[in-house]
Protein backbone atom coordinates (compact mmCIF):
# COMPACT_ATOMS: atom_id res chain seq x y z
CA MET A 1 1.76 -5.51 9.75
CA THR A 2 0.20 -4.93 6.34
CA ASP A 3 -2.75 -7.07 5.29
CA THR A 4 -1.32 -8.04 1.90
CA GLY A 5 -4.59 -9.44 0.58
CA LYS A 6 -6.56 -6.28 1.35
CA LEU A 7 -3.83 -4.07 -0.09
CA LYS A 8 -3.78 -6.14 -3.29
CA ASP A 9 -7.58 -5.80 -3.51
CA TYR A 10 -7.35 -2.00 -3.28
CA ILE A 11 -4.61 -1.97 -5.93
CA GLN A 12 -6.71 -4.12 -8.25
CA LYS A 13 -9.81 -1.96 -7.73
CA SER A 14 -7.81 1.20 -8.44
CA GLY A 15 -6.74 -0.04 -11.87
CA LEU A 16 -3.21 1.30 -11.24
CA LYS A 17 -0.15 -0.74 -12.09
CA GLN A 18 2.12 -1.67 -9.20
CA GLU A 19 5.07 -0.14 -11.08
CA HIS A 20 3.24 3.20 -11.19
CA ILE A 21 2.40 3.01 -7.49
CA ALA A 22 6.02 2.21 -6.66
CA LYS A 23 7.23 5.23 -8.65
CA CYS A 24 4.73 7.51 -6.88
CA LEU A 25 6.17 6.33 -3.56
CA GLY A 26 9.76 6.78 -4.73
CA LEU A 27 10.38 3.03 -4.58
CA SER A 28 11.56 0.42 -7.04
CA SER A 29 9.06 -2.27 -8.00
CA TYR A 30 11.11 -4.70 -5.90
CA GLY A 31 11.12 -2.35 -2.90
CA PHE A 32 7.38 -1.90 -3.12
CA ALA A 33 6.81 -5.66 -3.38
CA ARG A 34 8.95 -6.23 -0.26
CA LYS A 35 6.87 -3.75 1.71
CA ARG A 36 3.58 -5.07 0.33
CA ASP A 37 4.58 -8.60 1.34
CA ASN A 38 5.72 -7.62 4.88
CA GLN A 39 9.41 -8.19 4.28
CA SER A 40 9.96 -4.51 5.05
CA GLU A 41 7.74 -1.82 6.63
CA PHE A 42 5.97 1.11 4.98
CA THR A 43 6.86 4.55 6.32
CA GLN A 44 4.17 6.95 7.47
CA SER A 45 4.58 9.09 4.35
CA GLU A 46 4.30 6.01 2.12
CA ILE A 47 1.09 4.96 3.88
CA GLU A 48 -0.34 8.47 3.41
CA ALA A 49 0.55 8.45 -0.29
CA LEU A 50 -0.90 4.96 -0.78
CA CYS A 51 -4.14 5.94 0.91
CA LYS A 52 -4.51 8.90 -1.46
CA LEU A 53 -3.63 6.86 -4.54
CA LEU A 54 -5.90 3.95 -3.65
CA HIS A 55 -8.73 5.99 -2.09
CA ILE A 56 -8.45 4.36 1.31
CA ASP A 57 -10.39 7.10 3.01
CA THR A 58 -11.48 6.07 6.48
CA LEU A 59 -9.38 5.40 9.54
CA LYS A 60 -11.06 2.01 9.86
CA GLU A 61 -9.98 1.05 6.31
CA ARG A 62 -6.44 2.31 6.88
CA SER A 63 -6.13 0.39 10.11
CA ALA A 64 -7.45 -2.79 8.50
CA VAL A 65 -4.89 -2.59 5.68
CA PHE A 66 -1.76 -1.18 7.34
CA PHE A 67 -2.10 -2.15 10.98
CA ALA A 68 -3.45 -5.69 10.76
CA LYS A 69 -2.56 -8.12 13.51
């Protein structure tokens, strides 16, 4: 389960627009919002791309954002 709050913090810190992030992932803005809000799951390749875009560098950070309980 994605920690929506932490993901939103990383997006805000990056200065990137959510529309741009969605396009980089090959998603619509709506599709990205559904995944961000846990209505759908991110794929492994989407998680990898998000980590690169948002500079989520350590395994601990990745786990905290994308594998929250």
